Amino acid sequence: MMMLSPRQREIEEREKAILEVARELLLESGYYALTMDRIALASACPKGTMYQSFASKEDIVLALACQSGERRDNMIARATKFQGRPRERILAMGEAAALFSRLNPDDSRILHTATGPIREKAVPERTRALARLEARAVDLLLGVLGEARAQGDLPLRDGSTMEEMAFGIWALVEGGFTLIESGVPHNAFGIGTPWTHVFRVFNVLADGYGWRPLFAEFDWEESLARVRRTLFPEEAQRLYGEGAWYGDGA
């Protein structure tokens, strides 16, 4: 590991301080109230100096999203190590994403903020850094789908592809989590346990592709309990309670 020079350490510490202040302001007041002037004032960093590291507030939001995305990706990568059928590992990945989102709602909110026009206004290097993190998570997903295909669990009939299925899973999870954060499932649909419904809708999707074992053929609740006990014991008990390995239904 290359040692940083005193100047490099100074820049690194300054950027860390700027991001900490920007994160607090973003979560407190929202994206539209976030300005470079406010960040400079709150961080006691001259604006000219701040611009040496960050070209715009969009740059800062994407840098924060990269921090959050790295932590989420690490949890998802842990889930791929689950000892079980590929469809169980996909559910483990979904549980990892759900645990991360529910235990770290601020990080999840930042990730969902860093979309659309915000990316267009950031410097290309920052946009590419976030895109690499997203591609890493998609590659993990495609890897498990590939194993399911190779083992004969996933037939992919009628011209379906792994990429199509991966997109559907990604859209379901990201879209579902964004709606949950906004309160739409409860307020508009009267759904009190939306995380459980995301889990069930995924299984309907997987059954539609013929991915075995089918939902009715396997004890998926027991499989998820094993995921929580073996891979995420600390996180699961923080969220669900001590010994509540069956999640919201415990």
Protein backbone atom coordinates (compact mmCIF):
# COMPACT_ATOMS: atom_id res chain seq x y z
CA MET A 1 0.00 0.00 0.00
CA MET A 2 1.48 3.34 -1.07
CA MET A 3 2.10 5.83 1.71
CA LEU A 4 0.48 9.23 1.34
CA SER A 5 2.57 12.36 1.52
CA PRO A 6 1.70 14.97 4.19
CA ARG A 7 0.09 17.08 1.45
CA GLN A 8 -1.98 14.14 0.21
CA ARG A 9 -3.10 13.33 3.75
CA GLU A 10 -4.11 16.95 4.24
CA ILE A 11 -6.23 16.88 1.06
CA GLU A 12 -7.78 13.56 2.05
CA GLU A 13 -8.72 14.83 5.51
CA ARG A 14 -10.13 18.05 4.05
CA GLU A 15 -12.28 16.13 1.56
CA LYS A 16 -13.49 13.83 4.33
CA ALA A 17 -14.52 16.84 6.44
CA ILE A 18 -16.32 18.46 3.49
CA LEU A 19 -18.25 15.27 2.76
CA GLU A 20 -19.26 14.82 6.40
CA VAL A 21 -20.68 18.35 6.52
CA ALA A 22 -22.34 17.99 3.10
CA ARG A 23 -23.95 14.71 4.13
CA GLU A 24 -25.45 16.32 7.22
CA LEU A 25 -26.78 19.30 5.25
CA LEU A 26 -28.18 17.09 2.48
CA LEU A 27 -30.06 14.85 4.90
CA GLU A 28 -31.26 17.77 6.99
CA SER A 29 -32.45 20.14 4.25
CA GLY A 30 -32.57 18.14 1.02
CA TYR A 31 -30.83 18.37 -2.32
CA TYR A 32 -32.32 21.66 -3.50
CA ALA A 33 -31.31 23.52 -0.34
CA LEU A 34 -27.77 22.20 -0.59
CA THR A 35 -25.34 24.77 -2.01
CA MET A 36 -21.59 25.09 -2.27
CA ASP A 37 -21.80 28.30 -0.21
CA ARG A 38 -23.58 26.51 2.64
CA ILE A 39 -21.11 23.62 2.56
CA ALA A 40 -18.12 25.99 2.57
CA LEU A 41 -19.52 27.96 5.48
CA ALA A 42 -20.45 24.92 7.56
CA SER A 43 -17.13 23.16 6.91
CA ALA A 44 -15.04 26.33 7.43
CA CYS A 45 -13.36 25.59 4.11
CA PRO A 46 -12.79 28.45 1.65
CA LYS A 47 -14.96 27.91 -1.40
CA GLY A 48 -11.98 28.23 -3.74
CA THR A 49 -10.20 25.46 -1.86
CA MET A 50 -13.32 23.30 -1.89
CA TYR A 51 -13.56 23.63 -5.66
CA GLN A 52 -10.10 22.06 -5.96
CA SER A 53 -11.68 18.76 -4.90
CA PHE A 54 -15.33 19.07 -5.95
CA ALA A 55 -16.56 20.83 -9.07
CA SER A 56 -20.17 21.22 -7.89
CA LYS A 57 -22.71 20.13 -5.32
CA GLU A 58 -23.64 17.31 -7.73
CA ASP A 59 -20.05 16.12 -7.51
CA ILE A 60 -20.37 16.02 -3.75
CA VAL A 61 -23.67 14.13 -3.84
CA LEU A 62 -22.14 11.50 -6.12
CA ALA A 63 -19.09 11.21 -3.85
CA LEU A 64 -21.45 10.57 -0.93
CA ALA A 65 -23.35 8.03 -3.03
CA CYS A 66 -20.09 6.22 -3.78
CA GLN A 67 -19.43 5.90 -0.04
CA SER A 68 -22.92 4.50 0.53
CA GLY A 69 -22.75 2.26 -2.54
CA GLU A 70 -19.46 0.75 -1.43
CA ARG A 71 -20.94 -0.25 1.91
CA ARG A 72 -24.05 -1.70 0.30
CA ASP A 73 -22.05 -3.63 -2.30
CA ASN A 74 -19.92 -5.18 0.45
CA MET A 75 -23.05 -6.53 2.14
CA ILE A 76 -24.40 -7.89 -1.14
CA ALA A 77 -21.05 -9.57 -1.86
CA ARG A 78 -21.26 -11.32 1.53
CA ALA A 79 -24.64 -12.71 0.52
CA THR A 80 -23.23 -14.45 -2.56
CA LYS A 81 -21.20 -16.71 -0.22
CA PHE A 82 -24.35 -18.34 1.16
CA GLN A 83 -24.22 -22.13 0.93
CA GLY A 84 -27.32 -23.12 -0.98
CA ARG A 85 -29.08 -23.20 -4.32
CA PRO A 86 -28.61 -20.18 -6.62
CA ARG A 87 -32.16 -18.98 -6.01
CA GLU A 88 -31.42 -19.01 -2.28
CA ARG A 89 -28.33 -16.88 -2.88
CA ILE A 90 -30.38 -14.35 -4.84
CA LEU A 91 -32.75 -14.11 -1.89
CA ALA A 92 -29.72 -13.70 0.38
CA MET A 93 -28.62 -10.79 -1.82
CA GLY A 94 -32.08 -9.27 -1.54
CA GLU A 95 -32.00 -9.65 2.24
CA ALA A 96 -28.58 -7.99 2.31
CA ALA A 97 -29.92 -5.02 0.35
CA ALA A 98 -33.01 -4.83 2.59
CA LEU A 99 -30.97 -4.99 5.79
CA PHE A 100 -28.68 -2.28 4.49
CA SER A 101 -31.56 -0.03 3.46
CA ARG A 102 -33.53 -0.48 6.67
CA LEU A 103 -30.57 -0.13 9.02
CA ASN A 104 -28.99 2.70 7.04
CA PRO A 105 -31.92 4.74 5.69
CA ASP A 106 -29.75 7.82 5.24
CA ASP A 107 -27.36 5.93 2.96
CA SER A 108 -30.27 4.50 0.99
CA ARG A 109 -31.76 7.97 0.61
CA ILE A 110 -28.45 9.34 -0.69
CA LEU A 111 -28.17 6.53 -3.24
CA HIS A 112 -31.68 7.25 -4.52
CA THR A 113 -30.91 10.98 -4.67
CA ALA A 114 -27.90 10.42 -6.93
CA THR A 115 -29.91 9.70 -10.08
CA GLY A 116 -31.02 11.37 -13.30
CA PRO A 117 -29.97 14.98 -13.93
CA ILE A 118 -27.70 15.02 -10.89
CA ARG A 119 -25.33 12.65 -12.67
CA GLU A 120 -25.39 14.79 -15.80
CA LYS A 121 -24.05 17.76 -13.84
CA ALA A 122 -21.20 15.94 -12.12
CA VAL A 123 -17.73 15.49 -13.58
CA PRO A 124 -17.36 12.29 -15.68
CA GLU A 125 -14.86 10.74 -13.28
CA ARG A 126 -17.33 10.90 -10.42
CA THR A 127 -20.17 9.53 -12.55
CA ARG A 128 -17.98 6.65 -13.73
CA ALA A 129 -16.99 5.82 -10.14
CA LEU A 130 -20.63 5.40 -9.14
CA ALA A 131 -21.39 3.47 -12.33
CA ARG A 132 -18.57 1.03 -11.50
CA LEU A 133 -20.13 0.31 -8.11
CA GLU A 134 -23.51 -0.33 -9.72
CA ALA A 135 -21.91 -2.55 -12.35
CA ARG A 136 -20.22 -4.53 -9.59
CA ALA A 137 -23.58 -5.29 -7.95
CA VAL A 138 -25.11 -6.24 -11.31
CA ASP A 139 -22.16 -8.53 -12.05
CA LEU A 140 -22.74 -10.32 -8.74
CA LEU A 141 -26.39 -10.77 -9.69
CA LEU A 142 -25.54 -12.04 -13.17
CA GLY A 143 -22.98 -14.41 -11.68
CA VAL A 144 -25.59 -16.15 -9.55
CA LEU A 145 -28.05 -16.25 -12.46
CA GLY A 146 -25.32 -17.85 -14.56
CA GLU A 147 -24.82 -20.55 -11.93
CA ALA A 148 -28.56 -21.22 -11.88
CA ARG A 149 -28.52 -21.54 -15.65
CA ALA A 150 -25.51 -23.88 -15.62
CA GLN A 151 -27.04 -26.11 -12.95
CA GLY A 152 -30.32 -26.43 -14.85
CA ASP A 153 -32.37 -24.53 -12.25
CA LEU A 154 -33.17 -21.65 -14.63
CA PRO A 155 -34.44 -22.74 -18.07
CA LEU A 156 -34.96 -19.23 -19.58
CA ARG A 157 -37.57 -20.13 -22.17
CA ASP A 158 -39.18 -18.08 -24.98
CA GLY A 159 -36.19 -15.89 -25.76
CA SER A 160 -35.65 -14.67 -22.18
CA THR A 161 -32.11 -13.76 -21.18
CA MET A 162 -30.21 -13.48 -17.91
CA GLU A 163 -29.72 -9.77 -18.58
CA GLU A 164 -33.47 -9.28 -18.89
CA MET A 165 -34.10 -11.16 -15.67
CA ALA A 166 -31.34 -9.28 -13.85
CA PHE A 167 -32.90 -5.99 -14.96
CA GLY A 168 -36.31 -7.10 -13.68
CA ILE A 169 -34.91 -8.06 -10.29
CA TRP A 170 -32.92 -4.82 -10.03
CA ALA A 171 -35.95 -2.73 -11.01
CA LEU A 172 -38.17 -4.52 -8.49
CA VAL A 173 -35.74 -4.05 -5.60
CA GLU A 174 -34.63 -0.48 -6.34
CA GLY A 175 -38.13 0.66 -7.26
CA GLY A 176 -39.68 -1.08 -4.29
CA PHE A 177 -37.18 0.34 -1.82
CA THR A 178 -37.61 3.87 -3.22
CA LEU A 179 -41.38 3.63 -2.84
CA ILE A 180 -41.05 2.26 0.69
CA GLU A 181 -38.87 5.21 1.68
CA SER A 182 -41.51 7.59 0.35
CA GLY A 183 -44.30 5.91 2.30
CA VAL A 184 -46.34 5.10 -0.84
CA PRO A 185 -47.03 1.40 -0.02
CA HIS A 186 -48.58 2.29 3.31
CA ASN A 187 -50.33 5.52 2.32
CA ALA A 188 -51.66 4.59 -1.13
CA PHE A 189 -52.01 0.80 -0.94
CA GLY A 190 -52.55 0.21 2.76
CA ILE A 191 -49.65 -2.25 2.87
CA GLY A 192 -48.21 -2.49 6.35
CA THR A 193 -45.26 -4.83 5.64
CA PRO A 194 -43.97 -3.75 2.20
CA TRP A 195 -40.62 -5.53 2.59
CA THR A 196 -42.45 -8.84 2.80
CA HIS A 197 -44.39 -8.00 -0.35
CA VAL A 198 -41.18 -7.23 -2.29
CA PHE A 199 -39.97 -10.69 -1.27
CA ARG A 200 -43.20 -12.31 -2.43
CA VAL A 201 -43.30 -10.41 -5.75
CA PHE A 202 -39.73 -11.50 -6.47
CA ASN A 203 -40.77 -15.10 -5.98
CA VAL A 204 -43.70 -14.69 -8.37
CA LEU A 205 -41.25 -13.24 -10.91
CA ALA A 206 -38.78 -16.09 -10.40
CA ASP A 207 -41.56 -18.69 -10.72
CA GLY A 208 -42.62 -17.06 -13.98
CA TYR A 209 -39.18 -17.75 -15.40
CA GLY A 210 -39.40 -21.35 -14.18
CA TRP A 211 -36.55 -20.88 -11.70
CA ARG A 212 -36.41 -23.90 -9.39
CA PRO A 213 -37.06 -24.66 -6.69
CA LEU A 214 -40.42 -22.94 -7.17
CA PHE A 215 -41.94 -20.90 -4.36
CA ALA A 216 -44.39 -23.67 -3.40
CA GLU A 217 -41.68 -26.35 -3.50
CA PHE A 218 -39.34 -24.98 -0.85
CA ASP A 219 -39.35 -23.54 2.68
CA TRP A 220 -38.08 -20.08 1.77
CA GLU A 221 -38.76 -18.62 5.20
CA GLU A 222 -36.43 -21.21 6.71
CA SER A 223 -33.84 -20.42 4.04
CA LEU A 224 -33.99 -16.71 4.88
CA ALA A 225 -33.70 -17.49 8.58
CA ARG A 226 -30.51 -19.41 7.81
CA VAL A 227 -29.21 -16.45 5.77
CA ARG A 228 -29.75 -14.18 8.77
CA ARG A 229 -28.20 -16.59 11.28
CA THR A 230 -25.11 -17.44 9.24
CA LEU A 231 -24.30 -14.29 7.26
CA PHE A 232 -25.95 -11.32 8.97
CA PRO A 233 -26.51 -12.22 12.64
CA GLU A 234 -25.60 -8.79 14.00
CA GLU A 235 -27.58 -6.84 11.40
CA ALA A 236 -30.62 -9.13 11.58
CA GLN A 237 -30.88 -8.94 15.36
CA ARG A 238 -30.45 -5.16 15.31
CA LEU A 239 -33.42 -4.93 12.95
CA TYR A 240 -35.72 -7.77 13.97
CA GLY A 241 -34.75 -8.34 17.59
CA GLU A 242 -32.69 -10.94 19.44
CA GLY A 243 -33.33 -14.43 18.11
CA ALA A 244 -35.95 -13.22 15.62
CA TRP A 245 -34.44 -15.03 12.65
CA TYR A 246 -37.73 -15.14 10.75
CA GLY A 247 -37.75 -11.39 10.20
CA ASP A 248 -40.92 -9.34 10.24
CA GLY A 249 -42.98 -12.50 10.58
CA ALA A 250 -41.16 -13.73 13.68
